[in-house]
Amino acid sequence: MGKLKQTRPITSDQAVYYRKGVEAKLLELVADAVNAGWSRTETLLVITEVAQNLARRKCGDGELEDVLAVVENMRG
């Protein structure tokens, strides 16, 4: 299994900034889905599934664990 390589260094401040930006957009998406009649839980499940599928397409199933490890490390 290949190692996940970051194309450029990212500081913890940048990671927080990016995460907050993505979170804000996701919260908007969740609110839109809830307003359309979806439950918050099913919306979050679908978002999670889509994110995992995107990671698999980008990295392959074998490297998904590496991607998730990088995400966990970014959390601090």
C-alpha atoms as a PDB file:
ATOM      1  CA  MET A   1       0.000   0.000   0.000  1.00  0.00           C
ATOM      2  CA  GLY A   2       1.356   3.407  -0.965  1.00  0.00           C
ATOM      3  CA  LYS A   3       1.873   6.208   1.477  1.00  0.00           C
ATOM      4  CA  LEU A   4      -0.331   9.277   1.289  1.00  0.00           C
ATOM      5  CA  LYS A   5       1.815  12.215   0.258  1.00  0.00           C
ATOM      6  CA  GLN A   6       0.796  15.751   1.012  1.00  0.00           C
ATOM      7  CA  THR A   7       1.584  18.006  -1.939  1.00  0.00           C
ATOM      8  CA  ARG A   8       2.345  20.992   0.257  1.00  0.00           C
ATOM      9  CA  PRO A   9       2.806  21.556   3.949  1.00  0.00           C
ATOM     10  CA  ILE A  10      -0.228  22.714   5.878  1.00  0.00           C
ATOM     11  CA  THR A  11      -0.027  24.432   9.230  1.00  0.00           C
ATOM     12  CA  SER A  12      -2.416  23.629  12.041  1.00  0.00           C
ATOM     13  CA  ASP A  13      -3.862  27.153  11.680  1.00  0.00           C
ATOM     14  CA  GLN A  14      -4.572  26.489   7.987  1.00  0.00           C
ATOM     15  CA  ALA A  15      -6.147  23.138   8.832  1.00  0.00           C
ATOM     16  CA  VAL A  16      -8.479  24.825  11.326  1.00  0.00           C
ATOM     17  CA  TYR A  17      -9.344  27.544   8.788  1.00  0.00           C
ATOM     18  CA  TYR A  18     -10.086  25.000   6.032  1.00  0.00           C
ATOM     19  CA  ARG A  19     -12.054  22.779   8.389  1.00  0.00           C
ATOM     20  CA  LYS A  20     -14.206  25.701   9.554  1.00  0.00           C
ATOM     21  CA  GLY A  21     -14.922  26.681   5.957  1.00  0.00           C
ATOM     22  CA  VAL A  22     -15.937  23.160   4.969  1.00  0.00           C
ATOM     23  CA  GLU A  23     -17.972  22.765   8.145  1.00  0.00           C
ATOM     24  CA  ALA A  24     -19.893  25.977   7.429  1.00  0.00           C
ATOM     25  CA  LYS A  25     -20.796  24.753   3.929  1.00  0.00           C
ATOM     26  CA  LEU A  26     -21.800  21.335   5.254  1.00  0.00           C
ATOM     27  CA  LEU A  27     -24.037  22.934   7.878  1.00  0.00           C
ATOM     28  CA  GLU A  28     -25.737  24.895   5.089  1.00  0.00           C
ATOM     29  CA  LEU A  29     -26.200  21.673   3.138  1.00  0.00           C
ATOM     30  CA  VAL A  30     -27.654  19.910   6.186  1.00  0.00           C
ATOM     31  CA  ALA A  31     -30.044  22.817   6.815  1.00  0.00           C
ATOM     32  CA  ASP A  32     -31.170  22.759   3.166  1.00  0.00           C
ATOM     33  CA  ALA A  33     -31.755  18.994   3.334  1.00  0.00           C
ATOM     34  CA  VAL A  34     -33.700  19.269   6.600  1.00  0.00           C
ATOM     35  CA  ASN A  35     -35.813  22.060   5.071  1.00  0.00           C
ATOM     36  CA  ALA A  36     -36.495  19.728   2.135  1.00  0.00           C
ATOM     37  CA  GLY A  37     -37.773  17.027   4.506  1.00  0.00           C
ATOM     38  CA  TRP A  38     -34.670  14.894   5.140  1.00  0.00           C
ATOM     39  CA  SER A  39     -33.749  14.034   8.701  1.00  0.00           C
ATOM     40  CA  ARG A  40     -30.479  15.402  10.071  1.00  0.00           C
ATOM     41  CA  THR A  41     -29.253  11.850  10.688  1.00  0.00           C
ATOM     42  CA  GLU A  42     -29.923  10.566   7.173  1.00  0.00           C
ATOM     43  CA  THR A  43     -28.359  13.716   5.712  1.00  0.00           C
ATOM     44  CA  LEU A  44     -25.181  13.247   7.753  1.00  0.00           C
ATOM     45  CA  LEU A  45     -25.046   9.557   6.808  1.00  0.00           C
ATOM     46  CA  VAL A  46     -25.279  10.415   3.114  1.00  0.00           C
ATOM     47  CA  ILE A  47     -22.611  13.127   3.439  1.00  0.00           C
ATOM     48  CA  THR A  48     -20.324  10.611   5.166  1.00  0.00           C
ATOM     49  CA  GLU A  49     -20.924   8.019   2.450  1.00  0.00           C
ATOM     50  CA  VAL A  50     -20.220  10.531  -0.315  1.00  0.00           C
ATOM     51  CA  ALA A  51     -17.006  11.692   1.399  1.00  0.00           C
ATOM     52  CA  GLN A  52     -15.792   8.103   1.782  1.00  0.00           C
ATOM     53  CA  ASN A  53     -16.608   7.341  -1.868  1.00  0.00           C
ATOM     54  CA  LEU A  54     -14.682  10.419  -2.982  1.00  0.00           C
ATOM     55  CA  ALA A  55     -11.703   9.355  -0.877  1.00  0.00           C
ATOM     56  CA  ARG A  56     -11.824   5.830  -2.348  1.00  0.00           C
ATOM     57  CA  ARG A  57     -11.943   7.162  -5.911  1.00  0.00           C
ATOM     58  CA  LYS A  58      -9.047   9.510  -5.222  1.00  0.00           C
ATOM     59  CA  CYS A  59      -6.863   7.129  -3.230  1.00  0.00           C
ATOM     60  CA  GLY A  60      -8.245   3.634  -3.680  1.00  0.00           C
ATOM     61  CA  ASP A  61      -9.722   1.415  -0.997  1.00  0.00           C
ATOM     62  CA  GLY A  62      -6.293   0.386   0.262  1.00  0.00           C
ATOM     63  CA  GLU A  63      -5.249   3.948   1.024  1.00  0.00           C
ATOM     64  CA  LEU A  64      -8.513   5.088   2.592  1.00  0.00           C
ATOM     65  CA  GLU A  65      -7.209   4.187   6.045  1.00  0.00           C
ATOM     66  CA  ASP A  66      -4.157   6.386   5.375  1.00  0.00           C
ATOM     67  CA  VAL A  67      -6.443   9.274   4.393  1.00  0.00           C
ATOM     68  CA  LEU A  68      -8.512   8.831   7.538  1.00  0.00           C
ATOM     69  CA  ALA A  69      -5.327   8.737   9.633  1.00  0.00           C
ATOM     70  CA  VAL A  70      -4.232  12.078   8.113  1.00  0.00           C
ATOM     71  CA  VAL A  71      -7.656  13.542   8.922  1.00  0.00           C
ATOM     72  CA  GLU A  72      -7.413  12.261  12.490  1.00  0.00           C
ATOM     73  CA  ASN A  73      -3.934  13.811  12.847  1.00  0.00           C
ATOM     74  CA  MET A  74      -5.273  17.148  11.564  1.00  0.00           C
ATOM     75  CA  ARG A  75      -7.769  17.143  14.425  1.00  0.00           C
ATOM     76  CA  GLY A  76      -4.850  17.447  16.798  1.00  0.00           C
END
